[in-house]
Amino acid sequence: MRIILKSFLYSFYFMKTSWKNYFPVFLYLLFSQFTVMYTQNIYLVILFFVLYLIISSPIAINIFRNIIMNDDLRNSYNDFFLDDYTKIFINRIFYLLISVVGIYILHIIILSPFFPADISKITSYLYVLFAYMIYIYTRIMFILPGAACGLKKNLKDSYLFSKRRSVKVYLMYLFLIVPYVFLNMVISNYASLGEYKEIFILLLIVIQIFFTIVSTSLVGYIYKNIDTD
């Protein structure tokens, strides 16, 4: 619980200190959210999600390097794309994304014979599988803070790195992500039903940026604590 509180406090400090680091991300989300709202195109949703991983990378790198390596927080954005470790970080993002999607599909293929024939009952099974996939993600996500520090790690490295605290890390990540998902769903429902869609979308953008910052901070502190044990 202490490390989660620490991550929240750090996030407020980061937002005050490095606003140039996330302001371009805010503009991108503003453009992408309103584009999706008016086009309702699922392919654009996927495209914007993938691009968000790249566009938000300076935030993650800035936070990881500050927490793990004690580098000064940089109130900049474009400069990060000139650094070699940013190239490593983006490479590891897509490596991680492809791995997670591949593992998820593989599990669905393997477990599909055990799913009930009634489609209405499959949803609960998929939620359980999703919770399990979050656990897998918390075991392999540590390639990202390593990449921000210039280390090109693979899934096995991260899996072994987190083995001593896997359950604790998983519970901390759930404690953070479950309220975020719930809040996001509630606001999204209001946005689809209410008259003030633009205001709700702006609120969702702010929440998404804050979640990006606080979740990155949490992973950074966990990585540093495990690495120094």
Protein backbone atom coordinates (compact mmCIF):
# COMPACT_ATOMS: atom_id res chain seq x y z
CA MET A 1 0.00 0.00 0.00
CA ARG A 2 2.88 2.37 0.80
CA ILE A 3 4.38 2.05 -2.66
CA ILE A 4 0.98 2.76 -4.28
CA LEU A 5 0.57 5.93 -2.21
CA LYS A 6 4.12 6.90 -3.09
CA SER A 7 3.30 6.46 -6.77
CA PHE A 8 0.26 8.73 -6.49
CA LEU A 9 2.24 11.45 -4.72
CA TYR A 10 5.02 11.17 -7.28
CA SER A 11 2.48 11.50 -10.10
CA PHE A 12 1.21 14.85 -8.83
CA TYR A 13 4.81 16.05 -8.53
CA PHE A 14 5.55 14.86 -12.07
CA MET A 15 2.49 16.58 -13.53
CA LYS A 16 3.57 19.85 -11.97
CA THR A 17 7.25 19.55 -12.89
CA SER A 18 7.19 18.03 -16.39
CA TRP A 19 4.04 19.37 -18.04
CA LYS A 20 5.81 19.68 -21.44
CA ASN A 21 6.39 15.93 -21.27
CA TYR A 22 2.69 15.04 -21.32
CA PHE A 23 1.03 18.05 -22.96
CA PRO A 24 1.62 16.67 -26.52
CA VAL A 25 0.03 13.42 -25.33
CA PHE A 26 -3.01 15.39 -24.19
CA LEU A 27 -3.31 16.99 -27.63
CA TYR A 28 -2.98 13.60 -29.31
CA LEU A 29 -5.69 12.07 -27.12
CA LEU A 30 -7.91 15.07 -27.79
CA PHE A 31 -7.58 14.51 -31.53
CA SER A 32 -7.91 10.72 -31.40
CA GLN A 33 -10.87 10.61 -28.99
CA PHE A 34 -12.96 13.09 -30.91
CA THR A 35 -12.04 11.44 -34.23
CA VAL A 36 -13.18 8.06 -32.92
CA MET A 37 -16.33 9.57 -31.43
CA TYR A 38 -17.45 11.01 -34.76
CA THR A 39 -16.27 8.17 -37.03
CA GLN A 40 -17.03 5.11 -34.82
CA ASN A 41 -14.33 3.19 -36.70
CA ILE A 42 -12.88 0.18 -34.86
CA TYR A 43 -9.76 0.19 -37.02
CA LEU A 44 -9.03 3.77 -35.99
CA VAL A 45 -9.40 2.73 -32.34
CA ILE A 46 -6.73 0.06 -32.82
CA LEU A 47 -4.48 2.43 -34.78
CA PHE A 48 -4.76 5.21 -32.19
CA PHE A 49 -4.05 2.74 -29.38
CA VAL A 50 -0.85 1.55 -31.05
CA LEU A 51 0.24 5.11 -31.78
CA TYR A 52 -0.46 6.06 -28.16
CA LEU A 53 2.18 3.56 -27.04
CA ILE A 54 4.75 5.47 -29.07
CA ILE A 55 3.53 8.99 -28.36
CA SER A 56 3.35 8.40 -24.59
CA SER A 57 6.79 6.75 -24.44
CA PRO A 58 8.62 9.95 -23.37
CA ILE A 59 6.43 10.02 -20.24
CA ALA A 60 7.35 6.46 -19.28
CA ILE A 61 11.05 6.92 -20.06
CA ASN A 62 11.25 10.17 -18.11
CA ILE A 63 9.61 8.57 -15.07
CA PHE A 64 11.54 5.30 -15.20
CA ARG A 65 14.92 7.00 -15.52
CA ASN A 66 14.13 9.44 -12.73
CA ILE A 67 12.94 6.76 -10.29
CA ILE A 68 15.41 3.99 -11.17
CA MET A 69 18.55 5.90 -12.20
CA ASN A 70 17.93 9.17 -10.30
CA ASP A 71 18.15 11.18 -13.53
CA ASP A 72 16.62 14.63 -13.32
CA LEU A 73 13.06 14.92 -14.62
CA ARG A 74 13.10 16.57 -18.02
CA ASN A 75 10.43 19.11 -18.88
CA SER A 76 10.65 18.31 -22.60
CA TYR A 77 9.15 15.97 -25.17
CA ASN A 78 10.79 15.83 -28.61
CA ASP A 79 14.30 15.48 -27.17
CA PHE A 80 13.53 11.97 -25.95
CA PHE A 81 13.16 10.67 -29.51
CA LEU A 82 16.81 11.56 -30.15
CA ASP A 83 18.07 9.25 -27.40
CA ASP A 84 19.20 5.69 -28.14
CA TYR A 85 17.36 4.25 -25.14
CA THR A 86 14.07 5.57 -26.58
CA LYS A 87 14.61 3.39 -29.65
CA ILE A 88 15.22 0.41 -27.36
CA PHE A 89 12.11 1.29 -25.34
CA ILE A 90 9.83 1.51 -28.38
CA ASN A 91 11.28 -1.74 -29.71
CA ARG A 92 10.48 -3.46 -26.39
CA ILE A 93 6.96 -1.96 -26.35
CA PHE A 94 6.05 -3.69 -29.59
CA TYR A 95 7.87 -6.83 -28.55
CA LEU A 96 5.77 -6.88 -25.38
CA LEU A 97 2.53 -6.02 -27.22
CA ILE A 98 2.96 -8.79 -29.80
CA SER A 99 3.91 -11.25 -27.05
CA VAL A 100 0.84 -10.45 -24.92
CA VAL A 101 -1.54 -10.68 -27.89
CA GLY A 102 0.09 -13.95 -28.98
CA ILE A 103 -0.13 -15.45 -25.48
CA TYR A 104 -3.77 -14.38 -25.14
CA ILE A 105 -4.76 -15.91 -28.48
CA LEU A 106 -2.87 -19.10 -27.67
CA HIS A 107 -4.71 -19.44 -24.35
CA ILE A 108 -8.07 -18.91 -26.04
CA ILE A 109 -7.26 -21.60 -28.61
CA ILE A 110 -6.14 -24.06 -25.92
CA LEU A 111 -9.04 -23.35 -23.54
CA SER A 112 -11.81 -22.92 -26.11
CA PRO A 113 -12.92 -26.61 -25.89
CA PHE A 114 -13.64 -26.01 -22.19
CA PHE A 115 -15.81 -22.94 -22.79
CA PRO A 116 -19.59 -23.49 -22.41
CA ALA A 117 -21.70 -23.73 -25.55
CA ASP A 118 -24.02 -21.03 -24.21
CA ILE A 119 -22.52 -17.72 -25.39
CA SER A 120 -24.04 -15.82 -22.45
CA LYS A 121 -21.95 -17.92 -20.05
CA ILE A 122 -18.66 -17.40 -21.88
CA THR A 123 -18.25 -13.82 -20.62
CA SER A 124 -17.39 -14.91 -17.06
CA TYR A 125 -14.75 -17.30 -18.42
CA LEU A 126 -13.23 -14.51 -20.48
CA TYR A 127 -13.06 -12.27 -17.39
CA VAL A 128 -11.18 -14.98 -15.52
CA LEU A 129 -8.85 -15.40 -18.48
CA PHE A 130 -8.37 -11.62 -18.61
CA ALA A 131 -7.46 -11.54 -14.89
CA TYR A 132 -4.96 -14.33 -15.51
CA MET A 133 -3.50 -12.43 -18.47
CA ILE A 134 -2.99 -9.41 -16.23
CA TYR A 135 -0.93 -11.68 -13.97
CA ILE A 136 1.15 -12.78 -16.96
CA TYR A 137 1.60 -9.15 -17.93
CA THR A 138 2.83 -8.21 -14.45
CA ARG A 139 5.49 -10.92 -14.83
CA ILE A 140 6.80 -9.72 -18.19
CA MET A 141 6.24 -5.94 -18.05
CA PHE A 142 9.62 -5.29 -16.43
CA ILE A 143 11.33 -5.31 -19.80
CA LEU A 144 10.02 -1.74 -20.14
CA PRO A 145 11.76 -0.06 -17.18
CA GLY A 146 14.87 -2.01 -18.15
CA ALA A 147 14.59 -0.69 -21.72
CA ALA A 148 14.23 2.89 -20.44
CA CYS A 149 17.60 2.35 -18.77
CA GLY A 150 19.12 1.10 -22.02
CA LEU A 151 18.81 -2.64 -21.30
CA LYS A 152 17.30 -4.84 -24.01
CA LYS A 153 15.71 -7.59 -21.91
CA ASN A 154 13.44 -10.40 -23.09
CA LEU A 155 10.34 -12.00 -21.55
CA LYS A 156 12.32 -14.67 -19.71
CA ASP A 157 14.51 -12.02 -18.05
CA SER A 158 11.45 -10.17 -16.76
CA TYR A 159 9.71 -13.38 -15.68
CA LEU A 160 12.69 -14.46 -13.59
CA PHE A 161 13.23 -10.92 -12.30
CA SER A 162 9.75 -10.77 -10.75
CA LYS A 163 9.44 -14.36 -9.49
CA ARG A 164 10.07 -13.56 -5.81
CA ARG A 165 7.27 -10.98 -5.59
CA SER A 166 4.93 -12.06 -8.36
CA VAL A 167 1.74 -12.25 -6.27
CA LYS A 168 2.44 -8.99 -4.45
CA VAL A 169 3.16 -7.18 -7.71
CA TYR A 170 -0.01 -8.62 -9.26
CA LEU A 171 -2.20 -7.48 -6.36
CA MET A 172 -0.71 -3.99 -6.39
CA TYR A 173 -1.29 -3.69 -10.11
CA LEU A 174 -4.88 -4.94 -9.75
CA PHE A 175 -5.46 -2.44 -6.94
CA LEU A 176 -4.55 0.27 -9.41
CA ILE A 177 -6.08 -0.98 -12.65
CA VAL A 178 -9.48 -2.21 -11.40
CA PRO A 179 -10.68 1.21 -10.13
CA TYR A 180 -9.35 2.81 -13.32
CA VAL A 181 -11.25 0.39 -15.58
CA PHE A 182 -14.43 0.76 -13.51
CA LEU A 183 -14.22 4.56 -13.51
CA ASN A 184 -13.49 4.57 -17.23
CA MET A 185 -16.53 2.39 -17.95
CA VAL A 186 -18.86 4.54 -15.84
CA ILE A 187 -17.74 7.80 -17.45
CA SER A 188 -17.86 6.24 -20.93
CA ASN A 189 -21.48 5.20 -20.34
CA TYR A 190 -22.38 8.72 -19.29
CA ALA A 191 -20.54 10.08 -22.33
CA SER A 192 -22.60 7.88 -24.64
CA LEU A 193 -25.92 8.74 -22.99
CA GLY A 194 -25.51 12.32 -21.83
CA GLU A 195 -25.78 15.62 -23.65
CA TYR A 196 -22.31 16.82 -22.68
CA LYS A 197 -20.18 14.21 -24.43
CA GLU A 198 -17.26 16.57 -24.99
CA ILE A 199 -16.89 17.27 -21.28
CA PHE A 200 -16.89 13.57 -20.41
CA ILE A 201 -14.33 12.86 -23.12
CA LEU A 202 -12.05 15.56 -21.73
CA LEU A 203 -12.42 13.97 -18.31
CA LEU A 204 -11.53 10.56 -19.76
CA ILE A 205 -8.42 12.04 -21.38
CA VAL A 206 -7.24 13.55 -18.10
CA ILE A 207 -7.86 10.27 -16.28
CA GLN A 208 -5.99 8.29 -18.94
CA ILE A 209 -2.95 10.55 -18.74
CA PHE A 210 -2.94 10.40 -14.95
CA PHE A 211 -3.30 6.61 -15.01
CA THR A 212 -0.38 6.39 -17.47
CA ILE A 213 1.76 8.44 -15.10
CA VAL A 214 0.77 6.70 -11.85
CA SER A 215 0.97 3.17 -13.31
CA THR A 216 4.41 3.92 -14.77
CA SER A 217 5.52 5.31 -11.41
CA LEU A 218 4.30 2.16 -9.66
CA VAL A 219 6.19 -0.13 -12.05
CA GLY A 220 9.28 2.04 -11.68
CA TYR A 221 9.25 1.83 -7.88
CA ILE A 222 8.60 -1.92 -7.94
CA TYR A 223 11.46 -2.44 -10.40
CA LYS A 224 13.83 -0.38 -8.28
CA ASN A 225 12.86 -2.16 -5.04
CA ILE A 226 13.26 -5.61 -6.57
CA ASP A 227 16.54 -4.69 -8.24
CA THR A 228 18.04 -3.43 -4.97
CA ASP A 229 16.94 -6.42 -2.83
